[in-house]
Amino acid sequence: MISREAIVLAGGRGTRLQPLVNDRPKPMAEINGRPFLAWLLDDLITKGITRIILSVGYRHEMIRNWFGERYRGCELCYAVEETPLGTGGGLRKALELARSEVVFVVNGDTWFPVPFDLPTALFNSREADMVIVLRRNDDASRYGTIHADTDGRITSFTEKNNLTGPALINGGVYLLKSNIFSWEELPRVFSLETGFLEKATARKKIFGVVSDAPFIDIGLPETYLKASLMLPQKRKALFLDRDGTVNIEKNYVVRIEDFEFREGIFELTREYFAKGYLVFVITNQAGIARGFYTPGEVEKLHLWMSEQFRKNGIELTAVYYCPHHPDFTGPCDCRKPAPGMILAAIREYGVEAQSSALYGDKVSDVEAGIRAGIGANYLVGEKGIINTENVTLYKG
């Protein structure tokens, strides 16, 4: 059984971080120009998670306003604690929104990017109720310690104590049955660790698997500062207009057989990709608003287009399209020359705008790039090979 659903415990206030982060929930603490939570969601989506439940509390509206109902194509929903419920109570509330029999759970203040096939294999082979990913820590004094038998079944939990030296700790990544709390007599507010796990080893099949993936929590000022060294720095990006730049301009292209790549586009893009640039395609698709085709038809074409880039050694990071037209749907902030699509990519992927580049065949493309703060904006001609020499440069 493979789960595509995850819960992020993101309700922490971050009391110990108040000297550094005093105006937001702890998971929204900024790391390398982005909320820590964005890094977590990126990791989950990369692992194939398609639906994420955010267990939120303190200033939860900040999280909802930043991420909305969808993020990078992943569905987001919110389990809101109006009053603090503890880690266990918050998880139980979030599980009420789960659609899958089995879900992943991760702490919203911990970076522990473990491969999900590791707990999944153990969960399936042992028919477990829960698998916890453990980490061997050189100094366990800040954490509870965990003991397991030779089969991996957890036999006891010891909450934070004065233990020093190396020990196995709870890494804050779980795979569990969504009905794990059913038939349990638990208070409304309880701790997952002390209120449930420490007492459940005798009646639940709880296993542990050890991972040596990088681990850090951001709960203390000193560890929060270290996280900026562990997580990626902001990256440069290449933004490409579609019709007229990636492919030859035709009226409302939506069929694969009508899509003709411009000569030189793969060579140009590969130059940037080889230098570590993220690659985005940003395109106005007013044909949707006009009723000429559907979002599904556009997305099907973009999947095919992305595969053609892949066959040419280029991985598109994402494709953004605007389905609006002012005459049919009213004004919006995403239709170029508005910079909304570019700004969304910058925000969602941690892009350094000034170090990035944009290529488009219309003045509206270049204007959108300039308004978004893109450092180098290139206007390509209608004919000829696209390369870095036969375009007009406009600085951001």
Protein backbone atom coordinates (compact mmCIF):
# COMPACT_ATOMS: atom_id res chain seq x y z
CA MET A 1 0.00 0.00 0.00
CA ILE A 2 1.40 3.39 -1.06
CA SER A 3 0.06 6.61 0.44
CA ARG A 4 -0.20 9.84 -1.58
CA GLU A 5 -1.61 11.81 1.34
CA ALA A 6 0.28 13.57 4.11
CA ILE A 7 -0.37 15.65 7.21
CA VAL A 8 1.96 18.43 8.30
CA LEU A 9 1.79 19.41 11.98
CA ALA A 10 2.16 23.15 11.48
CA GLY A 11 0.41 24.63 14.49
CA GLY A 12 3.48 25.58 16.51
CA ARG A 13 3.87 29.10 17.83
CA GLY A 14 7.66 28.99 18.14
CA THR A 15 7.97 30.50 21.60
CA ARG A 16 11.70 29.83 21.79
CA LEU A 17 12.20 31.54 18.42
CA GLN A 18 10.54 34.77 19.50
CA PRO A 19 13.80 36.76 19.50
CA LEU A 20 14.12 35.97 15.77
CA VAL A 21 10.57 35.24 14.58
CA ASN A 22 7.91 37.08 16.54
CA ASP A 23 5.20 37.78 13.98
CA ARG A 24 4.34 34.38 12.49
CA PRO A 25 3.82 30.67 13.18
CA LYS A 26 7.02 28.71 13.56
CA PRO A 27 6.66 26.82 10.21
CA MET A 28 6.47 30.20 8.45
CA ALA A 29 9.89 31.25 9.73
CA GLU A 30 11.89 32.37 6.71
CA ILE A 31 14.79 30.19 5.56
CA ASN A 32 16.80 31.41 2.57
CA GLY A 33 14.04 33.75 1.48
CA ARG A 34 11.11 31.32 1.81
CA PRO A 35 8.93 30.01 4.62
CA PHE A 36 10.33 26.82 6.14
CA LEU A 37 6.97 25.21 5.39
CA ALA A 38 7.50 25.78 1.64
CA TRP A 39 10.65 23.67 1.77
CA LEU A 40 8.71 20.91 3.55
CA LEU A 41 5.86 20.93 1.04
CA ASP A 42 8.33 20.88 -1.86
CA ASP A 43 9.91 17.75 -0.40
CA LEU A 44 6.55 16.03 0.05
CA ILE A 45 5.41 16.87 -3.49
CA THR A 46 8.71 15.62 -4.92
CA LYS A 47 8.00 12.28 -3.22
CA GLY A 48 4.65 11.93 -4.96
CA ILE A 49 2.28 13.35 -2.34
CA THR A 50 -0.81 14.78 -4.06
CA ARG A 51 -2.93 15.88 -1.07
CA ILE A 52 -1.67 17.59 2.08
CA ILE A 53 -3.60 18.36 5.25
CA LEU A 54 -2.10 21.21 7.23
CA SER A 55 -2.76 21.01 10.95
CA VAL A 56 -2.64 24.70 11.89
CA GLY A 57 -3.40 26.89 14.87
CA TYR A 58 -1.56 30.06 15.82
CA ARG A 59 -2.01 32.72 13.11
CA HIS A 60 -3.21 30.04 10.72
CA GLU A 61 -4.55 32.67 8.31
CA MET A 62 -0.94 33.58 7.43
CA ILE A 63 -0.32 30.02 6.22
CA ARG A 64 -3.58 29.86 4.27
CA ASN A 65 -2.96 33.24 2.63
CA TRP A 66 0.53 32.23 1.51
CA PHE A 67 -0.26 28.75 0.18
CA GLY A 68 -3.98 28.86 -0.66
CA GLU A 69 -5.93 25.74 -1.61
CA ARG A 70 -3.39 24.39 -4.11
CA TYR A 71 0.37 24.56 -4.16
CA ARG A 72 2.43 23.32 -7.11
CA GLY A 73 -0.58 21.30 -8.26
CA CYS A 74 -1.03 19.64 -4.86
CA GLU A 75 -4.37 19.92 -3.04
CA LEU A 76 -4.13 21.61 0.36
CA CYS A 77 -6.73 21.56 3.12
CA TYR A 78 -6.62 22.94 6.65
CA ALA A 79 -7.47 21.43 10.02
CA VAL A 80 -7.68 24.53 12.22
CA GLU A 81 -7.22 24.38 16.00
CA GLU A 82 -9.22 27.26 17.42
CA THR A 83 -7.58 26.50 20.77
CA PRO A 84 -4.36 24.46 21.19
CA LEU A 85 -5.00 20.71 21.15
CA GLY A 86 -1.45 19.43 21.59
CA THR A 87 0.38 17.39 18.98
CA GLY A 88 -1.93 14.42 19.48
CA GLY A 89 -5.16 16.39 19.52
CA GLY A 90 -4.10 18.36 16.44
CA LEU A 91 -3.21 15.17 14.58
CA ARG A 92 -6.51 13.53 15.51
CA LYS A 93 -8.41 16.56 14.15
CA ALA A 94 -6.38 16.47 10.93
CA LEU A 95 -7.03 12.74 10.49
CA GLU A 96 -10.74 13.49 10.33
CA LEU A 97 -10.05 15.07 6.93
CA ALA A 98 -7.98 12.15 5.61
CA ARG A 99 -9.29 10.22 2.62
CA SER A 100 -6.68 7.45 2.64
CA GLU A 101 -6.46 4.46 4.95
CA VAL A 102 -2.77 5.22 5.46
CA VAL A 103 -1.14 8.67 5.65
CA PHE A 104 2.28 10.16 6.19
CA VAL A 105 2.72 12.66 9.01
CA VAL A 106 5.64 15.09 9.34
CA ASN A 107 6.50 17.72 11.91
CA GLY A 108 6.22 21.26 10.57
CA ASP A 109 9.43 22.40 12.28
CA THR A 110 11.76 19.56 11.28
CA TRP A 111 13.81 18.99 8.13
CA PHE A 112 14.27 15.23 7.73
CA PRO A 113 13.94 14.39 3.99
CA VAL A 114 13.77 10.60 4.24
CA PRO A 115 12.86 8.43 1.23
CA PHE A 116 9.25 7.35 1.78
CA ASP A 117 9.85 3.87 0.40
CA LEU A 118 11.81 3.17 3.60
CA PRO A 119 8.86 3.35 6.05
CA THR A 120 6.41 2.06 3.41
CA ALA A 121 8.27 -1.24 2.96
CA LEU A 122 8.37 -1.86 6.71
CA PHE A 123 4.74 -0.83 7.17
CA ASN A 124 3.54 -3.28 4.53
CA SER A 125 5.77 -6.19 5.52
CA ARG A 126 4.85 -5.98 9.22
CA GLU A 127 1.18 -5.03 8.72
CA ALA A 128 1.92 -2.20 11.13
CA ASP A 129 -0.34 0.36 12.73
CA MET A 130 2.46 2.93 12.62
CA VAL A 131 6.05 3.25 11.48
CA ILE A 132 8.23 6.01 12.92
CA VAL A 133 11.39 7.09 11.14
CA LEU A 134 14.18 7.30 13.70
CA ARG A 135 17.44 9.18 13.69
CA ARG A 136 20.62 8.33 15.55
CA ASN A 137 21.57 11.56 17.28
CA ASP A 138 24.92 12.25 18.88
CA ASP A 139 23.32 14.31 21.63
CA ALA A 140 19.87 13.07 22.65
CA SER A 141 19.45 15.41 25.62
CA ARG A 142 16.92 17.60 23.77
CA TYR A 143 14.85 14.69 22.55
CA GLY A 144 12.96 11.71 23.80
CA THR A 145 14.70 8.41 23.19
CA ILE A 146 13.26 5.26 21.64
CA HIS A 147 14.01 1.59 22.20
CA ALA A 148 13.22 -1.18 19.73
CA ASP A 149 13.74 -4.94 19.56
CA THR A 150 15.76 -6.70 16.87
CA ASP A 151 12.67 -6.94 14.64
CA GLY A 152 12.26 -3.16 14.66
CA ARG A 153 9.18 -3.16 16.88
CA ILE A 154 9.29 -0.26 19.32
CA THR A 155 9.19 -1.40 22.92
CA SER A 156 9.36 1.87 24.83
CA PHE A 157 9.52 5.64 24.60
CA THR A 158 11.41 7.80 27.04
CA GLU A 159 10.47 11.48 27.04
CA LYS A 160 13.08 14.22 27.26
CA ASN A 161 15.46 13.58 30.11
CA ASN A 162 19.01 14.19 31.18
CA LEU A 163 20.44 11.50 28.95
CA THR A 164 23.60 12.55 27.13
CA GLY A 165 25.42 10.86 24.34
CA PRO A 166 24.13 9.10 21.21
CA ALA A 167 20.70 7.48 21.09
CA LEU A 168 17.81 6.84 18.73
CA ILE A 169 15.35 9.73 18.62
CA ASN A 170 11.98 10.27 17.02
CA GLY A 171 12.65 11.98 13.68
CA GLY A 172 9.12 13.38 13.42
CA VAL A 173 8.18 11.42 10.28
CA TYR A 174 5.41 8.82 10.58
CA LEU A 175 3.43 6.46 8.38
CA LEU A 176 0.23 5.42 10.14
CA LYS A 177 -3.28 4.15 9.74
CA SER A 178 -5.73 7.02 9.55
CA ASN A 179 -7.92 5.32 12.18
CA ILE A 180 -5.03 4.94 14.64
CA PHE A 181 -6.94 6.80 17.37
CA SER A 182 -10.23 4.97 16.90
CA TRP A 183 -11.50 3.22 20.01
CA GLU A 184 -8.85 4.96 22.09
CA GLU A 185 -9.94 6.75 25.25
CA LEU A 186 -8.04 10.00 24.90
CA PRO A 187 -8.71 13.51 26.19
CA ARG A 188 -9.49 16.38 23.84
CA VAL A 189 -6.02 17.84 24.36
CA PHE A 190 -3.08 15.46 24.46
CA SER A 191 0.51 15.01 23.38
CA LEU A 192 1.20 12.47 20.65
CA GLU A 193 4.39 11.40 22.40
CA THR A 194 3.49 11.25 26.10
CA GLY A 195 -0.27 10.98 25.80
CA PHE A 196 -0.38 8.21 23.21
CA LEU A 197 2.87 6.67 21.97
CA GLU A 198 4.38 5.88 25.37
CA LYS A 199 1.24 3.94 26.29
CA ALA A 200 0.43 2.34 22.93
CA THR A 201 3.37 0.01 22.39
CA ALA A 202 1.62 -2.87 24.17
CA ARG A 203 -1.57 -2.77 22.09
CA LYS A 204 -0.46 -1.28 18.75
CA LYS A 205 2.02 -2.59 16.22
CA ILE A 206 4.43 0.34 16.17
CA PHE A 207 7.74 -0.11 14.37
CA GLY A 208 10.79 2.06 13.86
CA VAL A 209 13.16 2.36 10.93
CA VAL A 210 16.44 4.28 11.09
CA SER A 211 17.46 6.83 8.46
CA ASP A 212 20.70 8.80 8.19
CA ALA A 213 19.11 11.58 6.11
CA PRO A 214 20.05 15.15 7.12
CA PHE A 215 18.18 16.21 10.24
CA ILE A 216 17.57 19.54 11.89
CA ASP A 217 14.71 21.17 13.74
CA ILE A 218 14.23 24.91 13.84
CA GLY A 219 12.95 25.10 17.41
CA LEU A 220 15.91 27.00 18.85
CA PRO A 221 17.62 30.14 17.56
CA GLU A 222 20.89 28.30 17.00
CA THR A 223 19.28 25.43 15.04
CA TYR A 224 17.10 27.85 13.09
CA LEU A 225 20.23 29.64 11.91
CA LYS A 226 21.89 26.34 10.97
CA ALA A 227 18.90 25.43 8.78
CA SER A 228 19.84 28.14 6.30
CA LEU A 229 23.10 26.26 5.66
CA MET A 230 21.35 22.92 5.19
CA LEU A 231 18.56 24.04 2.87
CA PRO A 232 19.22 25.19 -0.70
CA GLN A 233 19.99 28.80 -1.41
CA LYS A 234 17.81 30.79 -3.81
CA ARG A 235 18.26 29.65 -7.40
CA LYS A 236 18.33 31.34 -10.76
CA ALA A 237 15.57 30.60 -13.23
CA LEU A 238 14.86 30.82 -16.95
CA PHE A 239 11.33 31.93 -17.87
CA LEU A 240 10.08 31.09 -21.36
CA ASP A 241 6.96 32.37 -23.07
CA ARG A 242 5.21 29.57 -24.97
CA ASP A 243 3.50 30.58 -28.24
CA GLY A 244 6.01 32.40 -30.41
CA THR A 245 8.98 31.47 -28.25
CA VAL A 246 8.88 27.76 -27.40
CA ASN A 247 6.71 26.96 -30.42
CA ILE A 248 5.80 28.71 -33.65
CA GLU A 249 2.92 31.15 -33.19
CA LYS A 250 -0.44 29.84 -34.45
CA ASN A 251 -3.97 30.65 -33.41
CA TYR A 252 -4.89 28.92 -30.14
CA VAL A 253 -2.66 25.85 -30.29
CA VAL A 254 -4.02 23.02 -28.17
CA ARG A 255 -3.52 19.91 -30.32
CA ILE A 256 -0.19 18.08 -30.27
CA GLU A 257 -0.17 17.83 -34.07
CA ASP A 258 -0.32 21.65 -34.33
CA PHE A 259 2.55 22.24 -31.88
CA GLU A 260 5.81 22.98 -33.71
CA PHE A 261 8.92 23.78 -31.65
CA ARG A 262 10.95 26.79 -32.73
CA GLU A 263 14.38 26.06 -34.07
CA GLY A 264 17.05 26.60 -31.44
CA ILE A 265 14.76 26.53 -28.41
CA PHE A 266 16.16 23.28 -27.01
CA GLU A 267 19.75 24.42 -27.52
CA LEU A 268 19.07 27.77 -25.83
CA THR A 269 17.25 26.20 -22.89
CA ARG A 270 19.90 23.53 -22.46
CA GLU A 271 22.56 26.23 -22.01
CA TYR A 272 20.71 27.58 -19.00
CA PHE A 273 19.70 24.17 -17.63
CA ALA A 274 23.31 23.01 -17.69
CA LYS A 275 24.23 26.00 -15.52
CA GLY A 276 21.71 24.99 -12.86
CA TYR A 277 18.82 27.28 -13.80
CA LEU A 278 15.27 26.23 -13.03
CA VAL A 279 13.17 26.34 -16.20
CA PHE A 280 9.59 27.66 -16.32
CA VAL A 281 7.16 28.13 -19.18
CA ILE A 282 4.65 30.95 -18.64
CA THR A 283 1.83 31.40 -21.11
CA ASN A 284 -1.42 33.32 -21.61
CA GLN A 285 -4.15 30.87 -22.65
CA ALA A 286 -7.16 33.07 -23.32
CA GLY A 287 -8.65 30.30 -25.45
CA ILE A 288 -9.93 28.83 -22.19
CA ALA A 289 -11.88 31.98 -21.34
CA ARG A 290 -13.16 32.15 -24.92
CA GLY A 291 -14.40 28.55 -24.71
CA PHE A 292 -12.12 27.23 -27.46
CA TYR A 293 -10.63 24.53 -25.23
CA THR A 294 -10.54 23.37 -21.61
CA PRO A 295 -7.86 23.54 -18.91
CA GLY A 296 -7.58 19.75 -19.16
CA GLU A 297 -6.72 19.96 -22.86
CA VAL A 298 -4.08 22.60 -22.16
CA GLU A 299 -2.55 20.54 -19.35
CA LYS A 300 -2.47 17.43 -21.56
CA LEU A 301 -0.53 19.40 -24.19
CA HIS A 302 1.85 20.72 -21.53
CA LEU A 303 2.57 17.21 -20.27
CA TRP A 304 3.54 16.23 -23.82
CA MET A 305 5.60 19.41 -24.23
CA SER A 306 7.45 18.73 -20.97
CA GLU A 307 8.25 15.22 -22.17
CA GLN A 308 9.78 16.61 -25.36
CA PHE A 309 12.02 18.88 -23.29
CA ARG A 310 12.94 15.88 -21.16
CA LYS A 311 13.91 13.88 -24.25
CA ASN A 312 16.23 16.77 -25.13
CA GLY A 313 17.96 16.65 -21.74
CA ILE A 314 15.96 19.45 -20.09
CA GLU A 315 13.65 19.17 -17.09
CA LEU A 316 10.95 21.81 -16.97
CA THR A 317 10.38 22.85 -13.38
CA ALA A 318 6.78 23.94 -13.96
CA VAL A 319 4.40 25.36 -16.54
CA TYR A 320 2.15 28.27 -15.54
CA TYR A 321 -0.79 29.36 -17.67
CA CYS A 322 -3.35 32.14 -17.34
CA PRO A 323 -6.87 31.01 -18.37
CA HIS A 324 -8.36 34.52 -18.30
CA HIS A 325 -9.25 37.28 -20.72
CA PRO A 326 -10.50 40.68 -19.52
CA ASP A 327 -13.40 40.71 -22.00
CA PHE A 328 -14.73 37.40 -20.70
CA THR A 329 -13.52 36.91 -17.13
CA GLY A 330 -12.57 40.42 -16.01
CA PRO A 331 -9.16 41.66 -14.89
CA CYS A 332 -6.60 39.38 -13.27
CA ASP A 333 -3.02 39.63 -12.04
CA CYS A 334 -1.65 36.69 -14.05
CA ARG A 335 -2.29 37.60 -17.70
CA LYS A 336 0.88 39.10 -19.15
CA PRO A 337 1.96 41.90 -19.04
CA ALA A 338 0.84 41.43 -15.43
CA PRO A 339 3.62 39.60 -13.56
CA GLY A 340 1.44 37.23 -11.50
CA MET A 341 2.65 33.93 -13.02
CA ILE A 342 6.29 34.91 -12.69
CA LEU A 343 5.82 36.13 -9.13
CA ALA A 344 4.08 32.87 -8.22
CA ALA A 345 7.08 30.88 -9.49
CA ILE A 346 9.48 33.15 -7.64
CA ARG A 347 7.53 32.71 -4.43
CA GLU A 348 6.85 29.00 -4.71
CA TYR A 349 10.32 27.92 -5.82
CA GLY A 350 12.58 30.42 -4.07
CA VAL A 351 13.87 32.06 -7.24
CA GLU A 352 16.34 34.93 -7.18
CA ALA A 353 14.63 37.26 -9.65
CA GLN A 354 17.50 39.65 -10.37
CA SER A 355 19.78 36.75 -11.39
CA SER A 356 17.15 35.18 -13.65
CA ALA A 357 16.33 35.55 -17.35
CA LEU A 358 13.18 35.67 -19.49
CA TYR A 359 12.62 35.13 -23.22
CA GLY A 360 9.44 36.16 -25.01
CA ASP A 361 8.31 37.23 -28.46
CA LYS A 362 6.00 40.06 -27.37
CA VAL A 363 6.55 43.31 -25.54
CA SER A 364 3.99 42.12 -22.96
CA ASP A 365 6.30 39.19 -22.09
CA VAL A 366 9.24 41.50 -21.50
CA GLU A 367 7.10 43.93 -19.53
CA ALA A 368 5.91 41.13 -17.26
CA GLY A 369 9.52 40.13 -16.61
CA ILE A 370 10.58 43.67 -15.81
CA ARG A 371 7.61 44.16 -13.46
CA ALA A 372 8.52 40.92 -11.67
CA GLY A 373 12.11 42.07 -11.16
CA ILE A 374 13.73 39.64 -13.63
CA GLY A 375 17.24 40.89 -14.30
CA ALA A 376 17.59 40.03 -18.01
CA ASN A 377 14.58 40.09 -20.35
CA TYR A 378 15.02 39.16 -24.02
CA LEU A 379 12.68 39.93 -26.92
CA VAL A 380 13.05 37.33 -29.67
CA GLY A 381 12.27 37.92 -33.34
CA GLU A 382 9.50 36.30 -35.31
CA LYS A 383 11.84 34.40 -37.62
CA GLY A 384 15.18 32.69 -37.39
CA ILE A 385 16.97 30.59 -34.84
CA ILE A 386 16.55 31.53 -31.22
CA ASN A 387 19.89 31.90 -29.45
CA THR A 388 21.59 34.25 -27.04
CA GLU A 389 22.94 36.50 -29.83
CA ASN A 390 19.95 37.46 -32.00
CA VAL A 391 17.62 38.83 -29.33
CA THR A 392 17.10 42.26 -27.80
CA LEU A 393 17.99 42.61 -24.12
CA TYR A 394 15.98 44.70 -21.67
CA LYS A 395 17.26 45.04 -18.14
CA GLY A 396 14.98 44.58 -15.17
